[in-house]
Amino acid sequence: MWGNPGDWQWVGQILEANGFKVLTPDLPSHRSDAGLLEDAQEVKSAIRSCQGPAVVAGWSYGGDVIGIAAAGEENAARLVYVSSVPQPAQRSARDGSLFDGNPVIVWEDGDRFVLDNRWWVYEEKGRTFPPDVRRHIESLPRRSVTRRTLTDPIPVAAWASLPVTVLLGIRDELTGAEKRSWAHGNIADLRDIDDDHFLIFNSPEVVARVIMEGPGAAPAGNLPTEL
């Protein structure tokens, strides 16, 4: 959410150096009136374009996207949730008020919203980023998305039938205690990483190594999959 495909470059470079083909789709909610469902369709198309098994990884909001996109795709071999907890299917529209009233969120015309880039780079976590990450974010400011990224229903839960790994930073303040507790109780392959929410920037070696493991953990098929 708010990012661009270049945010994955540090993880991607490690994967490519080890012989993996890397695809980083540009989610349409950043450039149109699309929402979560269209974002998932973009990633689904990327999965289908892969020759052979694909490990499908999503960071933060990207976890919501891959949980829909990988459903029913035969070459989706495994899901890797980075700073994200799998969500059950929810057939009805969801509550989109998550960021309402948040002082670092900028709301634009047409019900679009974005994290204030000045806060992102200069005031909080950005001050701890490596210099090349800071330069990347300064040159490519965060992009607004539609509220539909928060309100679209979640028609399927691919993680219930695919091998899944969840990576959570132990200092991640953006993953609530309730979600973290649920994940620890229900995801067999959950790994606590000595980091915060921004694993793809701070710990790309860790993320890449996990992606390269292959199919990995058993599916979480016996868990509740729908709300």
Protein backbone atom coordinates (compact mmCIF):
# COMPACT_ATOMS: atom_id res chain seq x y z
CA MET A 1 0.00 0.00 0.00
CA TRP A 2 1.27 3.44 -1.12
CA GLY A 3 4.41 1.90 -2.56
CA ASN A 4 5.73 0.91 -5.97
CA PRO A 5 7.39 -2.19 -7.42
CA GLY A 6 10.83 -0.73 -6.72
CA ASP A 7 10.24 -1.25 -3.00
CA TRP A 8 11.05 -4.93 -3.59
CA GLN A 9 14.36 -4.27 -5.37
CA TRP A 10 16.58 -5.27 -2.44
CA VAL A 11 14.82 -8.60 -1.96
CA GLY A 12 14.57 -9.07 -5.73
CA GLN A 13 18.28 -8.56 -6.36
CA ILE A 14 19.14 -11.38 -3.94
CA LEU A 15 16.58 -13.70 -5.53
CA GLU A 16 17.78 -12.97 -9.05
CA ALA A 17 21.40 -13.51 -8.01
CA ASN A 18 20.33 -16.99 -6.92
CA GLY A 19 18.65 -17.84 -10.21
CA PHE A 20 15.05 -16.89 -9.47
CA LYS A 21 12.83 -14.98 -11.86
CA VAL A 22 11.18 -12.10 -10.02
CA LEU A 23 7.91 -10.39 -10.96
CA THR A 24 6.74 -7.30 -9.05
CA PRO A 25 3.30 -6.25 -10.34
CA ASP A 26 2.26 -2.60 -10.02
CA LEU A 27 -1.02 -2.63 -8.12
CA PRO A 28 -3.69 -0.67 -10.05
CA SER A 29 -5.24 0.91 -6.93
CA HIS A 30 -2.26 3.32 -7.00
CA ARG A 31 -3.09 4.70 -10.41
CA SER A 32 -6.85 4.26 -10.94
CA ASP A 33 -10.15 3.78 -9.11
CA ALA A 34 -9.33 0.11 -8.53
CA GLY A 35 -9.45 -1.57 -5.14
CA LEU A 36 -8.31 -4.78 -3.47
CA LEU A 37 -10.07 -7.05 -5.97
CA GLU A 38 -8.41 -5.45 -9.00
CA ASP A 39 -5.05 -5.50 -7.20
CA ALA A 40 -5.51 -9.22 -6.64
CA GLN A 41 -6.39 -9.75 -10.30
CA GLU A 42 -3.16 -8.02 -11.34
CA VAL A 43 -1.14 -10.38 -9.16
CA LYS A 44 -3.18 -13.37 -10.34
CA SER A 45 -2.18 -12.53 -13.91
CA ALA A 46 1.46 -12.43 -12.86
CA ILE A 47 1.16 -15.83 -11.18
CA ARG A 48 -0.35 -17.30 -14.34
CA SER A 49 2.51 -15.91 -16.43
CA CYS A 50 5.10 -17.85 -14.42
CA GLN A 51 6.71 -20.95 -15.88
CA GLY A 52 6.71 -23.55 -13.14
CA PRO A 53 6.03 -23.20 -9.39
CA ALA A 54 5.70 -19.67 -8.00
CA VAL A 55 6.26 -18.46 -4.46
CA VAL A 56 3.88 -15.54 -3.96
CA ALA A 57 5.00 -12.95 -1.42
CA GLY A 58 3.22 -9.87 -0.11
CA TRP A 59 4.38 -7.19 2.29
CA SER A 60 1.87 -5.48 4.62
CA TYR A 61 -1.28 -4.77 2.54
CA GLY A 62 0.24 -7.04 -0.08
CA GLY A 63 -0.63 -9.97 2.17
CA ASP A 64 -4.33 -9.19 1.68
CA VAL A 65 -3.72 -9.15 -2.06
CA ILE A 66 -1.90 -12.49 -2.35
CA GLY A 67 -4.49 -14.22 -0.16
CA ILE A 68 -7.00 -13.63 -2.96
CA ALA A 69 -4.70 -13.72 -5.99
CA ALA A 70 -3.25 -17.19 -5.40
CA ALA A 71 -6.62 -18.91 -4.95
CA GLY A 72 -7.15 -21.63 -7.52
CA GLU A 73 -3.79 -21.09 -9.22
CA GLU A 74 -2.07 -24.43 -9.81
CA ASN A 75 1.43 -22.98 -10.05
CA ALA A 76 1.14 -21.03 -6.78
CA ALA A 77 3.37 -23.25 -4.63
CA ARG A 78 3.56 -21.24 -1.42
CA LEU A 79 2.55 -17.93 0.16
CA VAL A 80 4.93 -15.75 2.17
CA TYR A 81 3.30 -13.04 4.28
CA VAL A 82 5.79 -10.30 5.23
CA SER A 83 4.66 -8.03 8.07
CA SER A 84 1.13 -9.24 7.40
CA VAL A 85 -1.33 -11.69 8.93
CA PRO A 86 -3.63 -13.81 6.71
CA GLN A 87 -7.24 -12.67 6.65
CA PRO A 88 -10.28 -14.95 6.52
CA ALA A 89 -12.69 -14.64 3.64
CA GLN A 90 -15.37 -12.00 4.19
CA ARG A 91 -18.15 -11.92 1.63
CA SER A 92 -19.57 -8.53 2.55
CA ALA A 93 -17.94 -5.11 2.33
CA ARG A 94 -15.45 -4.44 5.10
CA ASP A 95 -15.12 -1.47 7.46
CA GLY A 96 -12.92 1.09 5.71
CA SER A 97 -12.30 3.44 8.64
CA LEU A 98 -8.90 2.05 9.65
CA PHE A 99 -7.00 5.27 8.91
CA ASP A 100 -9.75 7.82 9.58
CA GLY A 101 -8.44 10.55 11.88
CA ASN A 102 -4.83 9.40 11.64
CA PRO A 103 -2.73 12.62 11.55
CA VAL A 104 -0.06 11.19 9.21
CA ILE A 105 -2.58 10.10 6.56
CA VAL A 106 -3.38 12.62 3.82
CA TRP A 107 -6.85 12.34 2.27
CA GLU A 108 -7.31 13.50 -1.31
CA ASP A 109 -10.29 14.16 -3.55
CA GLY A 110 -12.15 11.05 -4.63
CA ASP A 111 -11.68 9.24 -1.33
CA ARG A 112 -8.00 8.45 -1.91
CA PHE A 113 -5.46 8.46 0.90
CA VAL A 114 -1.69 8.26 1.33
CA LEU A 115 0.90 8.24 4.08
CA ASP A 116 2.52 11.68 4.38
CA ASN A 117 5.88 11.24 2.63
CA ARG A 118 7.55 13.81 4.89
CA TRP A 119 6.64 11.75 7.96
CA TRP A 120 7.63 8.56 6.18
CA VAL A 121 11.13 9.77 5.29
CA TYR A 122 12.11 12.36 7.88
CA GLU A 123 10.19 11.94 11.11
CA GLU A 124 9.72 8.30 12.05
CA LYS A 125 10.90 4.95 10.69
CA GLY A 126 12.51 6.53 7.65
CA ARG A 127 15.30 7.91 9.81
CA THR A 128 16.47 4.34 10.43
CA PHE A 129 16.45 3.22 6.79
CA PRO A 130 19.72 2.56 4.95
CA PRO A 131 20.80 5.51 2.75
CA ASP A 132 19.85 3.80 -0.52
CA VAL A 133 16.36 3.10 0.79
CA ARG A 134 15.96 6.74 1.85
CA ARG A 135 17.04 7.90 -1.60
CA HIS A 136 14.56 5.55 -3.22
CA ILE A 137 11.65 6.82 -1.14
CA GLU A 138 12.64 10.47 -1.61
CA SER A 139 12.80 10.05 -5.38
CA LEU A 140 9.57 8.02 -5.57
CA PRO A 141 7.11 9.47 -3.02
CA ARG A 142 4.36 7.25 -1.69
CA ARG A 143 1.29 7.03 -3.95
CA SER A 144 -2.31 7.38 -2.85
CA VAL A 145 -4.76 4.46 -3.02
CA THR A 146 -8.53 4.15 -3.00
CA ARG A 147 -10.57 3.44 0.10
CA ARG A 148 -11.69 0.29 -1.71
CA THR A 149 -8.36 -1.26 -0.70
CA LEU A 150 -9.93 -1.31 2.78
CA THR A 151 -13.59 -1.95 1.99
CA ASP A 152 -13.62 -4.54 -0.80
CA PRO A 153 -14.78 -7.98 0.33
CA ILE A 154 -12.33 -10.87 0.60
CA PRO A 155 -14.00 -13.60 -1.47
CA VAL A 156 -11.44 -16.37 -0.88
CA ALA A 157 -8.61 -17.31 1.50
CA ALA A 158 -5.88 -19.00 -0.52
CA TRP A 159 -3.71 -19.44 2.59
CA ALA A 160 -6.15 -22.05 3.90
CA SER A 161 -5.16 -24.53 1.19
CA LEU A 162 -1.57 -23.57 0.35
CA PRO A 163 1.69 -23.81 2.30
CA VAL A 164 2.12 -20.48 4.10
CA THR A 165 4.88 -18.74 6.03
CA VAL A 166 4.34 -15.55 8.04
CA LEU A 167 7.20 -13.21 8.97
CA LEU A 168 6.51 -10.66 11.72
CA GLY A 169 8.95 -8.16 13.15
CA ILE A 170 9.04 -8.32 16.94
CA ARG A 171 9.07 -4.48 17.00
CA ASP A 172 6.31 -4.13 14.40
CA GLU A 173 3.95 -1.54 15.87
CA LEU A 174 1.62 -1.70 12.86
CA THR A 175 0.51 -5.30 13.44
CA GLY A 176 -1.99 -5.20 16.28
CA ALA A 177 -1.75 -7.46 19.31
CA GLU A 178 -4.96 -9.27 18.40
CA LYS A 179 -3.73 -10.21 14.91
CA ARG A 180 -0.33 -11.19 16.24
CA SER A 181 -1.90 -13.44 18.88
CA TRP A 182 -4.16 -15.08 16.31
CA ALA A 183 -1.21 -15.75 14.01
CA HIS A 184 0.86 -17.31 16.78
CA GLY A 185 -2.03 -19.59 17.66
CA ASN A 186 -3.02 -20.61 14.15
CA ILE A 187 -0.11 -20.38 11.69
CA ALA A 188 2.28 -23.32 11.98
CA ASP A 189 5.17 -21.59 10.20
CA LEU A 190 5.28 -18.17 11.85
CA ARG A 191 8.70 -16.61 12.36
CA ASP A 192 9.46 -13.67 14.62
CA ILE A 193 12.16 -11.48 13.11
CA ASP A 194 14.32 -9.02 15.05
CA ASP A 195 13.02 -6.02 13.13
CA ASP A 196 10.01 -3.72 12.75
CA HIS A 197 7.32 -3.51 10.04
CA PHE A 198 9.73 -2.66 7.23
CA LEU A 199 11.36 -6.03 6.68
CA ILE A 200 11.80 -5.66 2.92
CA PHE A 201 13.91 -2.55 3.50
CA ASN A 202 15.77 -3.47 6.68
CA SER A 203 16.13 -7.25 6.35
CA PRO A 204 15.97 -8.15 2.65
CA GLU A 205 18.37 -11.08 3.15
CA VAL A 206 15.99 -12.65 5.66
CA VAL A 207 12.96 -12.22 3.40
CA ALA A 208 14.78 -13.53 0.33
CA ARG A 209 16.12 -16.55 2.20
CA VAL A 210 12.63 -17.52 3.33
CA ILE A 211 11.21 -17.12 -0.18
CA MET A 212 13.95 -19.40 -1.56
CA GLU A 213 13.10 -22.26 0.79
CA GLY A 214 10.45 -23.73 -1.50
CA PRO A 215 6.99 -25.07 -0.60
CA GLY A 216 7.80 -25.26 3.13
CA ALA A 217 5.11 -25.39 5.80
CA ALA A 218 1.88 -27.36 5.73
CA PRO A 219 -1.34 -25.62 4.67
CA ALA A 220 -3.55 -24.15 7.38
CA GLY A 221 -6.60 -25.87 5.94
CA ASN A 222 -8.21 -26.74 9.28
CA LEU A 223 -8.56 -23.12 10.36
CA PRO A 224 -11.66 -20.90 10.11
CA THR A 225 -11.54 -19.40 6.63
CA GLU A 226 -14.59 -17.15 6.47
CA LEU A 227 -16.30 -14.42 8.46
